């Protein structure tokens, strides 16, 4: 994986955690008269570019929306091809991520995935667990409302067992029991393709994130696009509900 060089004096203030909704693969392919899966394959190259860009700009956490719980409703053939692409990524890309010091992990409903894919995910997470250059999280079979509901069930079970006092449940307790409990909340959300929706992605975690929407379709999302989004983030004043200076 070739590194991207950015001068120290050219770096804007860096978000710790960047989340990306990777949108536009299908439209990119259709505009070229190609099957939708070709857009997803081309989009995998943008994943590589985003990982390199995150490392180059000093981002510590990168979270990508890979496959939503709603995506299971897509035609069976497309879902099968997407799962095949996921297998290819896990078998062929994770070793390179490991060489670059990237910790890889997946959030979502793993029970809906095929056992061999779950095994590949588990092995990928085990292989990269000790890395610290960047934490790359891919949301697969993920929906934020489902995540919040699962967290509510988990807390209810703890209360029923007597290990948690209901009066102790606060925002910190909820956050720690989400799929992302071991990560800071995203500082910056990027969505490609011109759409301006969150689409059931990290609803709790994005409460104070800066949102940047770009018209570029995901297969064409470049290192320059990533850096531009980080620069846009650096120009904003984050108030967290307080008044400005």
C-alpha atoms as a PDB file:
ATOM      1  CA  UNK A   1       0.000   0.000   0.000  1.00  0.00           C
ATOM      2  CA  UNK A   2       1.783   3.168  -1.217  1.00  0.00           C
ATOM      3  CA  UNK A   3       1.873   5.945   1.377  1.00  0.00           C
ATOM      4  CA  UNK A   4       0.554   9.447   0.667  1.00  0.00           C
ATOM      5  CA  UNK A   5       2.903  12.284   1.615  1.00  0.00           C
ATOM      6  CA  UNK A   6       1.431  15.425   3.172  1.00  0.00           C
ATOM      7  CA  UNK A   7       3.660  18.240   4.465  1.00  0.00           C
ATOM      8  CA  UNK A   8       3.361  18.880   8.196  1.00  0.00           C
ATOM      9  CA  UNK A   9       2.590  22.575   7.616  1.00  0.00           C
ATOM     10  CA  UNK A  10      -0.134  21.647   5.128  1.00  0.00           C
ATOM     11  CA  UNK A  11      -2.134  19.500   7.542  1.00  0.00           C
ATOM     12  CA  UNK A  12      -5.415  20.911   8.877  1.00  0.00           C
ATOM     13  CA  UNK A  13      -6.619  20.031  12.390  1.00  0.00           C
ATOM     14  CA  UNK A  14      -7.438  16.353  12.174  1.00  0.00           C
ATOM     15  CA  UNK A  15     -10.619  14.600  13.299  1.00  0.00           C
ATOM     16  CA  UNK A  16      -9.898  11.613  15.516  1.00  0.00           C
ATOM     17  CA  UNK A  17     -12.712   9.525  14.048  1.00  0.00           C
ATOM     18  CA  UNK A  18     -14.063   9.761  10.493  1.00  0.00           C
ATOM     19  CA  UNK A  19     -17.143   7.827   9.377  1.00  0.00           C
ATOM     20  CA  UNK A  20     -18.107   7.435   5.724  1.00  0.00           C
ATOM     21  CA  UNK A  21     -21.355   6.420   4.032  1.00  0.00           C
ATOM     22  CA  UNK A  22     -20.039   4.972   0.776  1.00  0.00           C
ATOM     23  CA  UNK A  23     -22.815   5.793  -1.690  1.00  0.00           C
ATOM     24  CA  UNK A  24     -23.055   5.718  -5.469  1.00  0.00           C
ATOM     25  CA  UNK A  25     -21.552   2.400  -6.567  1.00  0.00           C
ATOM     26  CA  UNK A  26     -24.670   1.329  -8.441  1.00  0.00           C
ATOM     27  CA  UNK A  27     -25.157   4.674 -10.175  1.00  0.00           C
ATOM     28  CA  UNK A  28     -21.491   4.736 -11.201  1.00  0.00           C
ATOM     29  CA  UNK A  29     -21.866   1.330 -12.860  1.00  0.00           C
ATOM     30  CA  UNK A  30     -25.233   2.072 -14.480  1.00  0.00           C
ATOM     31  CA  UNK A  31     -23.908   5.301 -15.998  1.00  0.00           C
ATOM     32  CA  UNK A  32     -21.291   3.177 -17.758  1.00  0.00           C
ATOM     33  CA  UNK A  33     -23.627   0.389 -18.815  1.00  0.00           C
ATOM     34  CA  UNK A  34     -22.011  -2.025 -16.362  1.00  0.00           C
ATOM     35  CA  UNK A  35     -23.538  -4.460 -13.858  1.00  0.00           C
ATOM     36  CA  UNK A  36     -23.976  -2.950 -10.383  1.00  0.00           C
ATOM     37  CA  UNK A  37     -21.387  -5.337  -8.926  1.00  0.00           C
ATOM     38  CA  UNK A  38     -18.722  -3.625 -11.060  1.00  0.00           C
ATOM     39  CA  UNK A  39     -19.475  -0.429  -9.181  1.00  0.00           C
ATOM     40  CA  UNK A  40     -18.947  -2.249  -5.901  1.00  0.00           C
ATOM     41  CA  UNK A  41     -15.646  -3.684  -7.159  1.00  0.00           C
ATOM     42  CA  UNK A  42     -14.481  -0.225  -8.225  1.00  0.00           C
ATOM     43  CA  UNK A  43     -15.651   1.103  -4.855  1.00  0.00           C
ATOM     44  CA  UNK A  44     -13.264  -1.296  -3.126  1.00  0.00           C
ATOM     45  CA  UNK A  45     -10.402   0.736  -4.612  1.00  0.00           C
ATOM     46  CA  UNK A  46     -11.807   3.836  -2.918  1.00  0.00           C
ATOM     47  CA  UNK A  47     -11.733   1.952   0.381  1.00  0.00           C
ATOM     48  CA  UNK A  48      -7.993   1.465  -0.098  1.00  0.00           C
ATOM     49  CA  UNK A  49      -7.536   5.155  -0.917  1.00  0.00           C
ATOM     50  CA  UNK A  50      -9.521   6.210   2.141  1.00  0.00           C
ATOM     51  CA  UNK A  51      -7.456   3.989   4.425  1.00  0.00           C
ATOM     52  CA  UNK A  52      -4.242   5.483   3.023  1.00  0.00           C
ATOM     53  CA  UNK A  53      -5.662   9.003   3.354  1.00  0.00           C
ATOM     54  CA  UNK A  54      -6.772   8.413   6.930  1.00  0.00           C
ATOM     55  CA  UNK A  55      -3.287   7.219   7.882  1.00  0.00           C
ATOM     56  CA  UNK A  56      -1.638  10.125   6.059  1.00  0.00           C
ATOM     57  CA  UNK A  57      -3.788  12.758   7.765  1.00  0.00           C
ATOM     58  CA  UNK A  58      -3.432  11.250  11.227  1.00  0.00           C
ATOM     59  CA  UNK A  59      -6.959   9.955  11.668  1.00  0.00           C
ATOM     60  CA  UNK A  60      -7.094   7.279  14.380  1.00  0.00           C
ATOM     61  CA  UNK A  61     -10.470   5.679  13.560  1.00  0.00           C
ATOM     62  CA  UNK A  62     -12.137   5.155  10.183  1.00  0.00           C
ATOM     63  CA  UNK A  63     -15.615   3.603  10.080  1.00  0.00           C
ATOM     64  CA  UNK A  64     -17.202   2.616   6.758  1.00  0.00           C
ATOM     65  CA  UNK A  65     -20.844   1.745   6.086  1.00  0.00           C
ATOM     66  CA  UNK A  66     -20.359  -1.394   4.024  1.00  0.00           C
ATOM     67  CA  UNK A  67     -23.686  -3.243   4.013  1.00  0.00           C
ATOM     68  CA  UNK A  68     -26.785  -2.126   5.881  1.00  0.00           C
ATOM     69  CA  UNK A  69     -29.442  -4.327   7.452  1.00  0.00           C
ATOM     70  CA  UNK A  70     -31.816  -2.909   4.810  1.00  0.00           C
ATOM     71  CA  UNK A  71     -29.483  -4.096   2.015  1.00  0.00           C
ATOM     72  CA  UNK A  72     -30.657  -7.665   2.628  1.00  0.00           C
ATOM     73  CA  UNK A  73     -33.821  -6.602   0.737  1.00  0.00           C
ATOM     74  CA  UNK A  74     -31.854  -6.170  -2.491  1.00  0.00           C
ATOM     75  CA  UNK A  75     -32.158  -8.802  -5.255  1.00  0.00           C
ATOM     76  CA  UNK A  76     -30.717 -12.136  -4.152  1.00  0.00           C
ATOM     77  CA  UNK A  77     -28.193 -12.116  -6.986  1.00  0.00           C
ATOM     78  CA  UNK A  78     -26.763  -8.762  -5.977  1.00  0.00           C
ATOM     79  CA  UNK A  79     -26.567  -9.776  -2.308  1.00  0.00           C
ATOM     80  CA  UNK A  80     -24.721 -12.962  -3.315  1.00  0.00           C
ATOM     81  CA  UNK A  81     -22.233 -10.960  -5.369  1.00  0.00           C
ATOM     82  CA  UNK A  82     -21.692  -8.494  -2.522  1.00  0.00           C
ATOM     83  CA  UNK A  83     -21.019 -11.340  -0.110  1.00  0.00           C
ATOM     84  CA  UNK A  84     -18.546 -12.754  -2.610  1.00  0.00           C
ATOM     85  CA  UNK A  85     -16.798  -9.389  -2.773  1.00  0.00           C
ATOM     86  CA  UNK A  86     -16.676  -9.323   1.029  1.00  0.00           C
ATOM     87  CA  UNK A  87     -15.057 -12.768   1.064  1.00  0.00           C
ATOM     88  CA  UNK A  88     -12.483 -11.571  -1.460  1.00  0.00           C
ATOM     89  CA  UNK A  89     -11.685  -8.506   0.661  1.00  0.00           C
ATOM     90  CA  UNK A  90     -11.261 -10.552   3.830  1.00  0.00           C
ATOM     91  CA  UNK A  91      -9.052 -13.108   2.104  1.00  0.00           C
ATOM     92  CA  UNK A  92      -6.892 -10.709   0.089  1.00  0.00           C
ATOM     93  CA  UNK A  93      -6.858  -7.243   1.654  1.00  0.00           C
ATOM     94  CA  UNK A  94      -6.636  -7.791   5.403  1.00  0.00           C
ATOM     95  CA  UNK A  95      -3.064  -9.079   5.254  1.00  0.00           C
ATOM     96  CA  UNK A  96      -2.038  -5.802   3.602  1.00  0.00           C
ATOM     97  CA  UNK A  97      -3.920  -3.832   6.248  1.00  0.00           C
ATOM     98  CA  UNK A  98      -2.019  -5.790   8.876  1.00  0.00           C
ATOM     99  CA  UNK A  99       1.316  -4.842   7.287  1.00  0.00           C
ATOM    100  CA  UNK A 100       0.271  -1.188   7.483  1.00  0.00           C
ATOM    101  CA  UNK A 101      -0.529  -1.490  11.197  1.00  0.00           C
ATOM    102  CA  UNK A 102      -4.295  -1.243  10.722  1.00  0.00           C
ATOM    103  CA  UNK A 103      -6.616  -2.893  13.217  1.00  0.00           C
ATOM    104  CA  UNK A 104      -9.637  -4.300  11.390  1.00  0.00           C
ATOM    105  CA  UNK A 105     -13.023  -4.963  12.964  1.00  0.00           C
ATOM    106  CA  UNK A 106     -16.644  -5.440  11.953  1.00  0.00           C
ATOM    107  CA  UNK A 107     -19.839  -4.212  13.623  1.00  0.00           C
ATOM    108  CA  UNK A 108     -23.328  -5.471  12.816  1.00  0.00           C
ATOM    109  CA  UNK A 109     -25.541  -8.533  13.008  1.00  0.00           C
ATOM    110  CA  UNK A 110     -23.026 -11.294  12.290  1.00  0.00           C
ATOM    111  CA  UNK A 111     -25.646 -13.986  12.842  1.00  0.00           C
ATOM    112  CA  UNK A 112     -27.157 -13.050   9.462  1.00  0.00           C
ATOM    113  CA  UNK A 113     -23.885 -13.754   7.644  1.00  0.00           C
ATOM    114  CA  UNK A 114     -22.730 -17.125   6.312  1.00  0.00           C
ATOM    115  CA  UNK A 115     -20.569 -19.099   8.788  1.00  0.00           C
ATOM    116  CA  UNK A 116     -17.503 -18.969   6.518  1.00  0.00           C
ATOM    117  CA  UNK A 117     -17.713 -15.170   6.351  1.00  0.00           C
ATOM    118  CA  UNK A 118     -18.025 -14.953  10.133  1.00  0.00           C
ATOM    119  CA  UNK A 119     -14.956 -17.177  10.444  1.00  0.00           C
ATOM    120  CA  UNK A 120     -12.991 -14.919   8.067  1.00  0.00           C
ATOM    121  CA  UNK A 121     -14.050 -11.844  10.053  1.00  0.00           C
ATOM    122  CA  UNK A 122     -13.019 -13.454  13.331  1.00  0.00           C
ATOM    123  CA  UNK A 123      -9.629 -14.433  11.913  1.00  0.00           C
ATOM    124  CA  UNK A 124      -9.096 -10.947  10.446  1.00  0.00           C
ATOM    125  CA  UNK A 125      -9.875  -9.330  13.791  1.00  0.00           C
ATOM    126  CA  UNK A 126      -7.562 -11.738  15.597  1.00  0.00           C
ATOM    127  CA  UNK A 127      -4.723 -11.127  13.128  1.00  0.00           C
ATOM    128  CA  UNK A 128      -4.868  -7.337  13.405  1.00  0.00           C
ATOM    129  CA  UNK A 129      -5.884  -6.966  17.074  1.00  0.00           C
ATOM    130  CA  UNK A 130      -2.523  -5.617  18.199  1.00  0.00           C
ATOM    131  CA  UNK A 131      -2.220  -2.885  15.544  1.00  0.00           C
ATOM    132  CA  UNK A 132      -2.515   0.782  16.462  1.00  0.00           C
ATOM    133  CA  UNK A 133      -1.815   2.962  13.400  1.00  0.00           C
ATOM    134  CA  UNK A 134      -5.511   3.091  12.460  1.00  0.00           C
ATOM    135  CA  UNK A 135      -8.662   1.277  13.553  1.00  0.00           C
ATOM    136  CA  UNK A 136     -10.711   0.421  10.465  1.00  0.00           C
ATOM    137  CA  UNK A 137     -14.284  -0.576  11.304  1.00  0.00           C
ATOM    138  CA  UNK A 138     -16.644  -1.839   8.617  1.00  0.00           C
ATOM    139  CA  UNK A 139     -20.369  -1.904   9.365  1.00  0.00           C
ATOM    140  CA  UNK A 140     -21.826  -5.046   7.785  1.00  0.00           C
ATOM    141  CA  UNK A 141     -25.430  -6.139   8.193  1.00  0.00           C
ATOM    142  CA  UNK A 142     -25.691  -3.044  10.333  1.00  0.00           C
ATOM    143  CA  UNK A 143     -28.587  -0.776  11.249  1.00  0.00           C
ATOM    144  CA  UNK A 144     -28.369   1.827  13.975  1.00  0.00           C
ATOM    145  CA  UNK A 145     -31.930   1.404  15.227  1.00  0.00           C
ATOM    146  CA  UNK A 146     -31.289  -2.321  15.584  1.00  0.00           C
ATOM    147  CA  UNK A 147     -28.045  -1.559  17.424  1.00  0.00           C
ATOM    148  CA  UNK A 148     -29.843   0.736  19.877  1.00  0.00           C
ATOM    149  CA  UNK A 149     -32.596  -1.840  20.412  1.00  0.00           C
ATOM    150  CA  UNK A 150     -29.985  -4.547  21.068  1.00  0.00           C
ATOM    151  CA  UNK A 151     -28.283  -2.263  23.565  1.00  0.00           C
ATOM    152  CA  UNK A 152     -31.593  -1.651  25.332  1.00  0.00           C
ATOM    153  CA  UNK A 153     -32.144  -5.422  25.570  1.00  0.00           C
ATOM    154  CA  UNK A 154     -28.638  -5.923  26.951  1.00  0.00           C
ATOM    155  CA  UNK A 155     -29.148  -3.287  29.631  1.00  0.00           C
ATOM    156  CA  UNK A 156     -32.579  -4.720  30.500  1.00  0.00           C
ATOM    157  CA  UNK A 157     -31.011  -8.162  30.950  1.00  0.00           C
ATOM    158  CA  UNK A 158     -28.357  -6.679  33.250  1.00  0.00           C
ATOM    159  CA  UNK A 159     -31.063  -5.017  35.324  1.00  0.00           C
ATOM    160  CA  UNK A 160     -33.046  -8.283  35.484  1.00  0.00           C
ATOM    161  CA  UNK A 161     -29.936 -10.132  36.694  1.00  0.00           C
ATOM    162  CA  UNK A 162     -29.306  -7.499  39.341  1.00  0.00           C
ATOM    163  CA  UNK A 163     -25.934  -6.449  37.910  1.00  0.00           C
ATOM    164  CA  UNK A 164     -27.122  -2.964  36.925  1.00  0.00           C
ATOM    165  CA  UNK A 165     -29.210  -0.457  38.835  1.00  0.00           C
ATOM    166  CA  UNK A 166     -31.707   1.291  36.495  1.00  0.00           C
ATOM    167  CA  UNK A 167     -30.878   4.588  38.207  1.00  0.00           C
ATOM    168  CA  UNK A 168     -27.282   4.219  37.013  1.00  0.00           C
ATOM    169  CA  UNK A 169     -28.188   4.102  33.319  1.00  0.00           C
ATOM    170  CA  UNK A 170     -26.929   7.275  31.663  1.00  0.00           C
ATOM    171  CA  UNK A 171     -25.493   8.285  28.305  1.00  0.00           C
ATOM    172  CA  UNK A 172     -22.082   6.872  29.195  1.00  0.00           C
ATOM    173  CA  UNK A 173     -23.524   3.455  30.082  1.00  0.00           C
ATOM    174  CA  UNK A 174     -25.513   3.364  26.848  1.00  0.00           C
ATOM    175  CA  UNK A 175     -22.495   4.381  24.764  1.00  0.00           C
ATOM    176  CA  UNK A 176     -20.296   1.703  26.316  1.00  0.00           C
ATOM    177  CA  UNK A 177     -22.816  -0.994  25.391  1.00  0.00           C
ATOM    178  CA  UNK A 178     -23.193  -0.044  21.744  1.00  0.00           C
ATOM    179  CA  UNK A 179     -21.295  -1.969  19.038  1.00  0.00           C
ATOM    180  CA  UNK A 180     -18.843   0.956  19.041  1.00  0.00           C
ATOM    181  CA  UNK A 181     -18.382   0.986  22.821  1.00  0.00           C
ATOM    182  CA  UNK A 182     -14.577   0.834  22.592  1.00  0.00           C
ATOM    183  CA  UNK A 183     -14.298   3.797  20.189  1.00  0.00           C
ATOM    184  CA  UNK A 184     -14.791   7.561  20.452  1.00  0.00           C
ATOM    185  CA  UNK A 185     -17.789   8.978  18.617  1.00  0.00           C
ATOM    186  CA  UNK A 186     -17.141  10.178  15.051  1.00  0.00           C
ATOM    187  CA  UNK A 187     -16.018  13.779  14.677  1.00  0.00           C
ATOM    188  CA  UNK A 188     -16.739  13.850  10.953  1.00  0.00           C
ATOM    189  CA  UNK A 189     -19.259  12.050   8.732  1.00  0.00           C
ATOM    190  CA  UNK A 190     -18.719  12.040   4.982  1.00  0.00           C
ATOM    191  CA  UNK A 191     -21.420  10.887   2.565  1.00  0.00           C
ATOM    192  CA  UNK A 192     -20.704  10.576  -1.130  1.00  0.00           C
ATOM    193  CA  UNK A 193     -22.952  10.803  -4.241  1.00  0.00           C
ATOM    194  CA  UNK A 194     -24.761  14.010  -3.295  1.00  0.00           C
ATOM    195  CA  UNK A 195     -27.346  12.379  -1.035  1.00  0.00           C
ATOM    196  CA  UNK A 196     -27.944  14.170   2.260  1.00  0.00           C
ATOM    197  CA  UNK A 197     -29.204  11.462   4.593  1.00  0.00           C
ATOM    198  CA  UNK A 198     -27.747   9.497   7.500  1.00  0.00           C
ATOM    199  CA  UNK A 199     -29.584   6.302   6.463  1.00  0.00           C
ATOM    200  CA  UNK A 200     -29.752   4.559   9.840  1.00  0.00           C
ATOM    201  CA  UNK A 201     -25.991   4.818  10.377  1.00  0.00           C
ATOM    202  CA  UNK A 202     -24.538   5.514  13.843  1.00  0.00           C
ATOM    203  CA  UNK A 203     -27.563   7.559  14.917  1.00  0.00           C
ATOM    204  CA  UNK A 204     -26.479   7.769  18.562  1.00  0.00           C
ATOM    205  CA  UNK A 205     -22.795   8.233  17.830  1.00  0.00           C
ATOM    206  CA  UNK A 206     -23.247  11.051  15.273  1.00  0.00           C
ATOM    207  CA  UNK A 207     -25.017  13.364  17.731  1.00  0.00           C
ATOM    208  CA  UNK A 208     -22.296  16.049  17.502  1.00  0.00           C
ATOM    209  CA  UNK A 209     -20.446  15.032  14.350  1.00  0.00           C
ATOM    210  CA  UNK A 210     -19.788  17.491  11.558  1.00  0.00           C
ATOM    211  CA  UNK A 211     -21.501  16.355   8.350  1.00  0.00           C
ATOM    212  CA  UNK A 212     -19.900  16.789   4.931  1.00  0.00           C
ATOM    213  CA  UNK A 213     -21.821  15.767   1.817  1.00  0.00           C
ATOM    214  CA  UNK A 214     -19.930  15.480  -1.470  1.00  0.00           C
ATOM    215  CA  UNK A 215     -21.324  14.988  -4.968  1.00  0.00           C
ATOM    216  CA  UNK A 216     -18.603  12.522  -5.996  1.00  0.00           C
ATOM    217  CA  UNK A 217     -19.792   8.937  -6.442  1.00  0.00           C
ATOM    218  CA  UNK A 218     -17.974   6.521  -4.150  1.00  0.00           C
ATOM    219  CA  UNK A 219     -15.974   4.690  -6.884  1.00  0.00           C
ATOM    220  CA  UNK A 220     -14.417   8.067  -7.794  1.00  0.00           C
ATOM    221  CA  UNK A 221     -13.769   9.203  -4.201  1.00  0.00           C
ATOM    222  CA  UNK A 222     -10.081  10.090  -4.010  1.00  0.00           C
ATOM    223  CA  UNK A 223      -7.408  11.077  -1.524  1.00  0.00           C
ATOM    224  CA  UNK A 224      -8.063  14.679  -2.550  1.00  0.00           C
ATOM    225  CA  UNK A 225     -11.772  14.298  -1.702  1.00  0.00           C
ATOM    226  CA  UNK A 226     -10.854  12.885   1.698  1.00  0.00           C
ATOM    227  CA  UNK A 227      -8.420  15.706   2.444  1.00  0.00           C
ATOM    228  CA  UNK A 228     -10.940  18.325   1.281  1.00  0.00           C
ATOM    229  CA  UNK A 229     -13.526  16.915   3.702  1.00  0.00           C
ATOM    230  CA  UNK A 230     -11.005  17.058   6.549  1.00  0.00           C
ATOM    231  CA  UNK A 231     -10.195  20.663   5.617  1.00  0.00           C
ATOM    232  CA  UNK A 232     -13.903  21.506   5.675  1.00  0.00           C
ATOM    233  CA  UNK A 233     -14.088  19.950   9.137  1.00  0.00           C
ATOM    234  CA  UNK A 234     -11.165  22.110  10.277  1.00  0.00           C
ATOM    235  CA  UNK A 235     -12.986  25.294   9.261  1.00  0.00           C
ATOM    236  CA  UNK A 236     -16.009  24.601  11.439  1.00  0.00           C
ATOM    237  CA  UNK A 237     -16.506  25.656  15.039  1.00  0.00           C
ATOM    238  CA  UNK A 238     -17.684  22.750  17.170  1.00  0.00           C
ATOM    239  CA  UNK A 239     -19.872  24.103  19.986  1.00  0.00           C
ATOM    240  CA  UNK A 240     -21.560  20.970  21.390  1.00  0.00           C
ATOM    241  CA  UNK A 241     -24.657  23.002  22.192  1.00  0.00           C
ATOM    242  CA  UNK A 242     -22.787  25.940  23.730  1.00  0.00           C
ATOM    243  CA  UNK A 243     -22.570  29.466  22.336  1.00  0.00           C
ATOM    244  CA  UNK A 244     -19.664  30.508  20.155  1.00  0.00           C
ATOM    245  CA  UNK A 245     -16.814  32.757  21.087  1.00  0.00           C
END
